[in-house]
N, C-alpha and C. Protein backbone atom coordinates (compact mmCIF):
# COMPACT_ATOMS: atom_id res chain seq x y z
N UNK A 1 -31.04 -12.77 14.65
CA UNK A 1 -30.33 -13.02 15.16
C UNK A 1 -29.84 -14.22 15.73
N UNK A 2 -29.01 -14.82 16.09
CA UNK A 2 -29.02 -15.89 16.82
C UNK A 2 -28.59 -16.22 18.14
N UNK A 3 -29.41 -16.68 18.73
CA UNK A 3 -29.33 -17.04 20.11
C UNK A 3 -29.05 -18.05 20.43
N UNK A 4 -27.41 -18.62 20.06
CA UNK A 4 -27.54 -20.22 20.23
C UNK A 4 -26.58 -20.05 22.14
N UNK A 5 -27.18 -21.28 22.92
CA UNK A 5 -26.90 -21.57 24.09
C UNK A 5 -25.99 -22.75 24.27
N UNK A 6 -24.53 -22.00 24.95
CA UNK A 6 -23.69 -22.92 25.17
C UNK A 6 -23.97 -24.18 26.85
N UNK A 7 -24.48 -25.27 25.89
CA UNK A 7 -25.38 -26.21 26.74
C UNK A 7 -23.52 -27.31 27.18
N UNK A 8 -22.96 -28.07 26.45
CA UNK A 8 -21.40 -27.89 26.59
C UNK A 8 -20.75 -28.19 25.71
N UNK A 9 -19.84 -28.26 25.75
CA UNK A 9 -18.93 -28.23 24.21
C UNK A 9 -19.10 -28.81 23.66
N UNK A 10 -19.73 -29.57 23.59
CA UNK A 10 -20.61 -30.04 22.10
C UNK A 10 -22.25 -30.27 21.75
N UNK A 11 -22.85 -29.49 22.51
CA UNK A 11 -24.04 -28.95 22.61
C UNK A 11 -24.56 -28.33 22.37
N UNK A 12 -24.94 -27.24 20.92
CA UNK A 12 -25.54 -25.64 21.75
C UNK A 12 -27.51 -26.18 21.50
N UNK A 13 -28.01 -25.08 22.30
CA UNK A 13 -29.40 -25.53 22.00
C UNK A 13 -30.04 -24.08 22.04
N UNK A 14 -30.95 -23.86 20.61
CA UNK A 14 -31.28 -21.92 20.19
C UNK A 14 -32.81 -22.29 19.68
N UNK A 15 -33.21 -20.72 19.95
CA UNK A 15 -34.68 -20.72 19.44
C UNK A 15 -34.63 -21.27 17.67
N UNK A 16 -36.11 -20.42 17.22
CA UNK A 16 -35.53 -20.55 16.04
C UNK A 16 -34.25 -20.08 15.31
N UNK A 17 -33.44 -20.72 14.11
CA UNK A 17 -32.91 -19.93 14.01
C UNK A 17 -32.95 -20.08 12.12
N UNK A 18 -32.50 -18.85 11.67
CA UNK A 18 -32.46 -18.18 10.33
C UNK A 18 -31.78 -18.62 8.87
N UNK A 19 -32.31 -18.36 8.35
CA UNK A 19 -30.66 -19.11 7.45
C UNK A 19 -29.71 -18.42 7.34
N UNK A 20 -29.15 -16.88 7.42
CA UNK A 20 -28.86 -16.23 7.82
C UNK A 20 -27.69 -17.06 9.26
N UNK A 21 -28.15 -17.22 9.65
CA UNK A 21 -27.71 -18.03 12.05
C UNK A 21 -26.79 -19.04 10.93
N UNK A 22 -27.14 -19.36 9.90
CA UNK A 22 -26.30 -20.99 9.65
C UNK A 22 -24.57 -20.46 9.15
N UNK A 23 -24.68 -19.27 9.15
CA UNK A 23 -23.15 -19.27 8.94
C UNK A 23 -22.38 -18.90 10.08
N UNK A 24 -22.95 -18.59 10.80
CA UNK A 24 -22.58 -18.47 12.53
C UNK A 24 -22.41 -19.30 13.29
N UNK A 25 -23.42 -20.31 12.73
CA UNK A 25 -22.85 -21.41 13.48
C UNK A 25 -21.80 -21.94 12.92
N UNK A 26 -21.63 -22.00 11.92
CA UNK A 26 -20.09 -22.43 10.30
C UNK A 26 -19.05 -21.97 11.48
N UNK A 27 -19.18 -20.51 11.54
CA UNK A 27 -18.14 -20.18 12.06
C UNK A 27 -17.89 -20.18 13.77
N UNK A 28 -18.35 -21.27 14.14
CA UNK A 28 -18.24 -21.27 15.99
C UNK A 28 -18.27 -22.82 15.29
N UNK A 29 -18.18 -23.53 13.70
CA UNK A 29 -17.47 -24.72 14.19
C UNK A 29 -18.56 -25.82 14.49
N UNK A 30 -20.04 -26.31 14.24
CA UNK A 30 -21.32 -26.06 14.19
C UNK A 30 -20.99 -27.74 13.12
N UNK A 31 -21.35 -29.24 13.22
CA UNK A 31 -21.18 -29.36 12.14
C UNK A 31 -22.67 -30.27 11.58
N UNK A 32 -23.28 -30.15 12.57
CA UNK A 32 -25.37 -30.68 12.48
C UNK A 32 -25.52 -30.07 12.98
N UNK A 33 -26.43 -29.49 12.16
CA UNK A 33 -28.07 -28.95 12.54
C UNK A 33 -28.45 -29.74 13.38
N UNK A 34 -29.44 -29.99 14.14
CA UNK A 34 -30.50 -31.07 14.14
C UNK A 34 -32.35 -29.83 14.83
N UNK A 35 -32.87 -29.95 13.47
CA UNK A 35 -34.71 -29.72 13.76
C UNK A 35 -35.35 -30.37 14.75
N UNK A 36 -35.53 -29.34 15.87
CA UNK A 36 -36.57 -30.19 16.58
C UNK A 36 -38.30 -30.22 16.54
N UNK A 37 -38.52 -28.92 15.17
CA UNK A 37 -39.60 -28.00 15.44
C UNK A 37 -40.07 -28.56 13.70
N UNK A 38 -41.79 -28.31 14.77
CA UNK A 38 -42.44 -29.32 13.02
C UNK A 38 -42.39 -28.23 12.21
N UNK A 39 -43.17 -28.04 10.69
CA UNK A 39 -42.71 -27.07 9.76
C UNK A 39 -44.26 -26.47 9.61
N UNK A 40 -44.24 -25.44 9.90
CA UNK A 40 -45.90 -24.55 10.09
C UNK A 40 -46.36 -24.77 11.19
N UNK A 41 -45.82 -24.61 12.53
CA UNK A 41 -45.95 -25.16 13.81
C UNK A 41 -46.24 -23.01 13.97
N UNK A 42 -45.87 -22.26 13.72
CA UNK A 42 -46.56 -20.88 13.12
C UNK A 42 -46.21 -20.17 12.55
N UNK A 43 -46.93 -19.30 12.11
CA UNK A 43 -47.14 -18.39 10.96
C UNK A 43 -46.30 -17.71 10.59
N UNK A 44 -45.49 -17.94 9.76
CA UNK A 44 -43.95 -17.66 9.13
C UNK A 44 -42.74 -17.77 9.97
N UNK A 45 -42.51 -18.48 10.23
CA UNK A 45 -41.50 -19.22 10.65
C UNK A 45 -40.57 -20.61 9.18
N UNK A 46 -39.44 -20.29 9.28
CA UNK A 46 -38.83 -20.34 8.55
C UNK A 46 -38.78 -21.89 8.26
N UNK A 47 -39.21 -22.19 6.89
CA UNK A 47 -38.97 -24.01 6.92
C UNK A 47 -37.99 -24.61 7.23
N UNK A 48 -38.03 -26.35 7.48
CA UNK A 48 -37.19 -26.95 7.91
C UNK A 48 -35.72 -27.53 5.95
N UNK A 49 -37.29 -27.09 5.23
CA UNK A 49 -36.23 -27.08 3.90
C UNK A 49 -35.34 -25.94 3.42
N UNK A 50 -35.52 -24.28 3.94
CA UNK A 50 -34.59 -23.61 3.30
C UNK A 50 -33.18 -23.88 5.16
N UNK A 51 -34.04 -23.99 6.23
CA UNK A 51 -32.18 -24.54 7.09
C UNK A 51 -31.77 -25.55 6.21
N UNK A 52 -32.24 -26.84 5.70
CA UNK A 52 -31.52 -27.56 5.65
C UNK A 52 -30.66 -27.58 4.78
N UNK A 53 -31.29 -26.22 3.60
CA UNK A 53 -29.86 -26.05 2.06
C UNK A 53 -29.36 -25.52 2.69
N UNK A 54 -29.49 -24.56 3.11
CA UNK A 54 -28.66 -23.84 3.93
C UNK A 54 -26.95 -24.48 4.16
N UNK A 55 -28.04 -25.53 5.23
CA UNK A 55 -26.65 -25.78 6.29
C UNK A 55 -25.93 -26.71 5.03
N UNK A 56 -26.36 -27.48 3.55
CA UNK A 56 -25.36 -28.27 2.49
C UNK A 56 -24.65 -27.41 2.12
N UNK A 57 -25.20 -25.95 2.20
CA UNK A 57 -24.75 -24.63 1.03
C UNK A 57 -23.12 -24.67 1.96
N UNK A 58 -22.96 -24.69 3.19
CA UNK A 58 -22.83 -24.32 4.18
C UNK A 58 -21.22 -25.66 4.99
N UNK A 59 -21.90 -26.84 4.45
CA UNK A 59 -20.78 -28.02 4.82
C UNK A 59 -21.37 -28.57 5.75
N UNK A 60 -22.42 -28.72 6.23
CA UNK A 60 -23.00 -28.68 7.58
C UNK A 60 -24.02 -29.90 8.03
N UNK A 61 -23.76 -31.24 8.03
CA UNK A 61 -24.64 -31.65 8.02
C UNK A 61 -26.06 -31.39 8.74
N UNK A 62 -27.50 -32.05 7.97
CA UNK A 62 -28.97 -31.45 9.16
C UNK A 62 -29.45 -32.05 9.38
N UNK A 63 -29.92 -32.71 10.46
CA UNK A 63 -31.26 -33.45 10.17
C UNK A 63 -32.56 -33.17 11.44
N UNK A 64 -33.76 -33.52 10.95
CA UNK A 64 -35.00 -32.72 11.26
C UNK A 64 -35.42 -34.69 12.48
N UNK A 65 -35.95 -33.39 13.54
CA UNK A 65 -36.73 -34.76 14.54
C UNK A 65 -37.56 -33.95 14.75
N UNK A 66 -38.59 -33.51 14.56
CA UNK A 66 -39.57 -32.52 15.12
C UNK A 66 -40.27 -33.31 16.30
N UNK A 67 -40.22 -33.06 17.33
CA UNK A 67 -41.25 -33.03 18.71
C UNK A 67 -42.32 -31.52 18.97
N UNK A 68 -43.77 -32.17 18.85
CA UNK A 68 -44.69 -31.30 18.69
C UNK A 68 -44.09 -31.10 19.95
N UNK A 69 -46.17 -30.19 20.43
CA UNK A 69 -46.27 -29.58 21.92
C UNK A 69 -46.26 -31.62 22.62
N UNK A 70 -46.94 -31.79 21.61
CA UNK A 70 -47.50 -33.73 22.54
C UNK A 70 -46.59 -34.90 23.65
N UNK A 71 -45.46 -34.01 22.75
CA UNK A 71 -44.62 -34.58 23.96
C UNK A 71 -43.36 -35.26 23.22
N UNK A 72 -42.43 -36.01 23.82
CA UNK A 72 -41.13 -36.60 23.07
C UNK A 72 -41.36 -38.23 23.19
N UNK A 73 -41.44 -39.46 21.70
CA UNK A 73 -41.21 -40.97 21.88
C UNK A 73 -39.42 -41.33 21.70
N UNK A 74 -39.98 -42.84 22.00
CA UNK A 74 -38.45 -43.26 22.22
C UNK A 74 -38.06 -43.16 20.57
N UNK A 75 -38.85 -42.68 19.62
CA UNK A 75 -38.68 -43.19 18.18
C UNK A 75 -37.36 -41.83 18.48
N UNK A 76 -37.76 -40.66 18.63
CA UNK A 76 -37.13 -38.97 18.92
C UNK A 76 -36.14 -39.59 19.79
N UNK A 77 -35.75 -39.62 20.84
CA UNK A 77 -34.72 -40.43 22.12
C UNK A 77 -34.20 -40.58 21.64
N UNK A 78 -34.45 -42.14 21.02
CA UNK A 78 -33.48 -42.34 19.40
C UNK A 78 -32.72 -42.13 18.21
N UNK A 79 -33.28 -41.19 17.74
CA UNK A 79 -32.92 -40.08 16.68
C UNK A 79 -31.96 -39.75 17.16
N UNK A 80 -31.66 -38.72 18.41
CA UNK A 80 -30.93 -37.42 18.66
C UNK A 80 -30.10 -38.13 19.60
N UNK A 81 -30.23 -39.44 20.01
CA UNK A 81 -28.77 -40.15 19.96
C UNK A 81 -27.87 -40.80 19.39
N UNK A 82 -28.13 -40.72 18.06
CA UNK A 82 -27.95 -41.20 16.97
C UNK A 82 -27.32 -40.07 16.48
N UNK A 83 -27.77 -38.87 15.86
CA UNK A 83 -27.48 -37.75 16.21
C UNK A 83 -26.13 -37.63 16.67
N UNK A 84 -26.62 -37.18 17.48
CA UNK A 84 -24.76 -36.62 18.66
C UNK A 84 -23.76 -37.84 18.57
N UNK A 85 -23.92 -38.92 18.57
CA UNK A 85 -23.59 -40.30 18.35
C UNK A 85 -22.41 -40.18 16.77
N UNK A 86 -23.27 -39.74 16.06
CA UNK A 86 -22.61 -38.85 14.34
C UNK A 86 -21.69 -38.00 14.48
N UNK A 87 -21.84 -37.15 15.00
CA UNK A 87 -21.62 -35.72 14.30
C UNK A 87 -19.78 -36.08 15.38
N UNK A 88 -19.75 -34.99 14.18
CA UNK A 88 -17.66 -35.32 14.33
C UNK A 88 -17.97 -33.45 14.53
N UNK A 89 -18.89 -32.91 15.00
CA UNK A 89 -18.63 -31.04 16.11
C UNK A 89 -19.30 -31.30 16.43
N UNK A 90 -19.21 -30.37 17.02
CA UNK A 90 -20.58 -29.33 17.85
C UNK A 90 -21.79 -29.45 17.13
N UNK A 91 -22.90 -30.18 17.50
CA UNK A 91 -24.70 -30.16 17.18
C UNK A 91 -25.23 -28.26 17.91
N UNK A 92 -26.03 -28.00 16.44
CA UNK A 92 -26.82 -27.43 17.03
C UNK A 92 -28.42 -27.27 17.34
N UNK A 93 -29.15 -27.70 17.69
CA UNK A 93 -30.79 -27.89 18.20
C UNK A 93 -31.38 -26.57 18.34
N UNK A 94 -32.71 -27.00 17.64
CA UNK A 94 -33.40 -26.36 17.14
C UNK A 94 -34.34 -26.32 17.81
N UNK A 95 -35.11 -25.61 17.64
CA UNK A 95 -37.08 -25.43 17.88
C UNK A 95 -37.77 -24.12 18.08
N UNK A 96 -38.85 -23.91 18.92
CA UNK A 96 -39.33 -22.96 19.14
C UNK A 96 -38.53 -21.26 19.91
N UNK A 97 -38.36 -22.23 21.02
CA UNK A 97 -37.44 -21.51 22.47
C UNK A 97 -35.99 -22.00 22.92
N UNK A 98 -36.15 -23.65 22.09
CA UNK A 98 -34.70 -24.32 22.51
C UNK A 98 -35.40 -24.30 23.66
N UNK A 99 -36.42 -25.21 24.53
CA UNK A 99 -36.55 -25.51 25.33
C UNK A 99 -36.80 -27.59 25.03
N UNK A 100 -37.55 -26.74 24.19
CA UNK A 100 -37.90 -29.12 23.33
C UNK A 100 -36.35 -29.97 23.06
N UNK A 101 -36.13 -28.47 22.64
CA UNK A 101 -34.14 -29.43 22.05
C UNK A 101 -33.50 -29.92 22.93
N UNK A 102 -33.58 -28.78 24.35
CA UNK A 102 -32.56 -29.07 25.29
C UNK A 102 -32.95 -30.38 26.54
N UNK A 103 -34.93 -30.54 26.06
CA UNK A 103 -35.49 -31.51 26.46
C UNK A 103 -34.69 -32.56 26.31
N UNK A 104 -35.14 -32.88 24.52
CA UNK A 104 -34.42 -34.27 24.16
C UNK A 104 -33.21 -34.53 24.43
N UNK A 105 -32.09 -33.55 23.71
CA UNK A 105 -30.46 -33.58 24.25
C UNK A 105 -30.29 -34.22 25.92
N UNK A 106 -31.33 -33.96 26.49
CA UNK A 106 -30.91 -34.14 27.80
C UNK A 106 -31.96 -36.10 28.09
N UNK A 107 -32.56 -36.35 27.48
CA UNK A 107 -33.17 -37.67 27.62
C UNK A 107 -31.94 -38.76 26.30
N UNK A 108 -31.02 -37.61 25.46
CA UNK A 108 -30.41 -38.88 24.69
C UNK A 108 -29.51 -38.61 25.37
N UNK A 109 -28.79 -37.82 25.97
CA UNK A 109 -27.33 -38.19 26.90
C UNK A 109 -27.51 -38.49 27.90
N UNK A 110 -28.65 -39.21 29.48
CA UNK A 110 -29.19 -40.14 29.55
C UNK A 110 -29.09 -41.09 29.39
N UNK A 111 -29.68 -41.58 27.94
CA UNK A 111 -29.79 -42.98 27.47
C UNK A 111 -27.88 -43.53 27.24
N UNK A 112 -27.57 -42.68 26.81
CA UNK A 112 -25.87 -42.84 26.85
C UNK A 112 -25.47 -43.15 28.35
N UNK A 113 -25.74 -42.89 28.99
CA UNK A 113 -24.94 -43.63 30.53
C UNK A 113 -24.75 -41.93 31.13
N UNK A 114 -24.96 -40.61 30.33
CA UNK A 114 -24.31 -39.78 31.63
C UNK A 114 -25.40 -39.28 32.23
N UNK A 115 -24.27 -38.54 33.40
CA UNK A 115 -24.70 -37.94 34.88
C UNK A 115 -26.62 -37.10 34.61
N UNK A 116 -27.55 -37.74 35.48
CA UNK A 116 -28.42 -36.47 35.17
C UNK A 116 -28.09 -35.59 35.94
N UNK A 117 -27.28 -35.23 36.91
CA UNK A 117 -27.19 -34.08 37.77
C UNK A 117 -25.54 -33.62 37.10
N UNK A 118 -24.88 -33.89 35.59
CA UNK A 118 -24.32 -33.14 35.11
C UNK A 118 -25.12 -32.40 33.66
N UNK A 119 -26.13 -33.57 33.43
CA UNK A 119 -26.92 -33.11 32.69
C UNK A 119 -27.81 -32.17 32.93
N UNK A 120 -28.20 -31.86 34.08
CA UNK A 120 -29.29 -30.61 34.27
C UNK A 120 -28.83 -30.04 34.80
N UNK A 121 -26.79 -29.25 35.39
CA UNK A 121 -26.71 -28.34 35.27
C UNK A 121 -25.85 -27.92 34.05
N UNK A 122 -25.46 -28.92 33.09
CA UNK A 122 -25.63 -28.27 32.03
C UNK A 122 -26.32 -27.45 31.21
N UNK A 123 -27.18 -27.95 31.39
CA UNK A 123 -29.01 -27.41 30.88
C UNK A 123 -29.47 -25.95 32.09
N UNK A 124 -28.85 -25.86 32.56
CA UNK A 124 -29.37 -24.87 33.57
C UNK A 124 -28.63 -23.61 33.19
N UNK A 125 -27.03 -23.78 33.01
CA UNK A 125 -25.85 -23.13 31.86
C UNK A 125 -26.55 -22.59 31.36
N UNK A 126 -27.10 -23.75 30.77
CA UNK A 126 -27.73 -23.35 28.71
C UNK A 126 -28.94 -22.14 28.84
N UNK A 127 -29.56 -21.55 30.48
CA UNK A 127 -30.57 -21.48 30.78
C UNK A 127 -32.11 -22.12 30.77
N UNK A 128 -32.23 -23.31 30.51
CA UNK A 128 -32.99 -23.84 29.87
C UNK A 128 -32.81 -25.13 31.71
N UNK A 129 -34.57 -25.59 31.82
CA UNK A 129 -34.60 -26.31 32.93
C UNK A 129 -35.22 -28.07 32.31
N UNK A 130 -34.44 -28.71 32.71
CA UNK A 130 -34.77 -30.07 32.80
C UNK A 130 -36.22 -30.17 33.27
N UNK A 131 -36.69 -30.16 34.87
CA UNK A 131 -36.99 -31.56 36.02
C UNK A 131 -38.36 -31.03 35.22
N UNK A 132 -38.85 -30.50 33.56
CA UNK A 132 -40.09 -31.89 33.21
C UNK A 132 -39.70 -33.24 33.18
N UNK A 133 -38.46 -33.32 32.02
CA UNK A 133 -38.18 -34.68 32.40
C UNK A 133 -37.26 -35.43 32.73
N UNK A 134 -37.26 -35.23 34.59
CA UNK A 134 -36.25 -35.13 35.38
C UNK A 134 -36.58 -36.55 35.55
N UNK A 135 -37.65 -37.52 35.83
CA UNK A 135 -37.38 -38.80 36.32
C UNK A 135 -37.18 -39.41 35.41
N UNK A 136 -37.85 -39.21 33.91
CA UNK A 136 -36.85 -40.06 33.16
C UNK A 136 -35.53 -40.25 32.11
N UNK A 137 -34.81 -39.01 32.74
CA UNK A 137 -33.15 -38.90 32.28
C UNK A 137 -32.86 -39.96 33.66
N UNK A 138 -33.30 -39.48 34.68
CA UNK A 138 -33.43 -40.82 35.81
C UNK A 138 -33.24 -42.55 35.87
N UNK A 139 -34.69 -42.39 35.54
CA UNK A 139 -34.13 -43.84 34.61
C UNK A 139 -33.36 -44.57 33.40
N UNK A 140 -33.53 -42.95 32.24
CA UNK A 140 -33.00 -43.83 30.95
C UNK A 140 -31.47 -43.71 31.59
N UNK A 141 -30.90 -43.08 32.35
CA UNK A 141 -29.35 -43.26 32.93
C UNK A 141 -29.47 -43.95 33.94
N UNK A 142 -30.24 -44.81 35.11
CA UNK A 142 -30.26 -46.06 35.46
C UNK A 142 -30.81 -47.29 34.42
N UNK A 143 -30.86 -47.04 33.50
CA UNK A 143 -30.75 -48.57 32.99
C UNK A 143 -29.21 -48.38 32.22
N UNK A 144 -28.48 -48.21 31.96
CA UNK A 144 -27.23 -48.21 31.05
C UNK A 144 -26.38 -49.13 32.35
């Protein structure tokens, strides 16, 4: 069952999605799904390949930008920034709880020059707290 959380008009975050959730995403106008979860993180989780196949069948672009519990690297921030810029509509990103996806979105938006307070507020409206990466958000935003 989908638990898509609206962060802003162009981004939704979610805990692990199912193949059936892809159709729900399509109905909501999602044009890209970003998987931030490594395969086999948890026994029985739906694989990225299964979501990729369902996305392709639904006409939704799919990208994998896995983030482990070890944290984020510049390559992941760059890949998410590029995904957000390439999308022709709303992006749905998922991981185990939606937190890593939201934090990575926040870092990408900061890199794009978005206001850190707006980023934090939008994430909070979706039920996520960006304070673990707030200093990095501030630095990325200031670097624009």
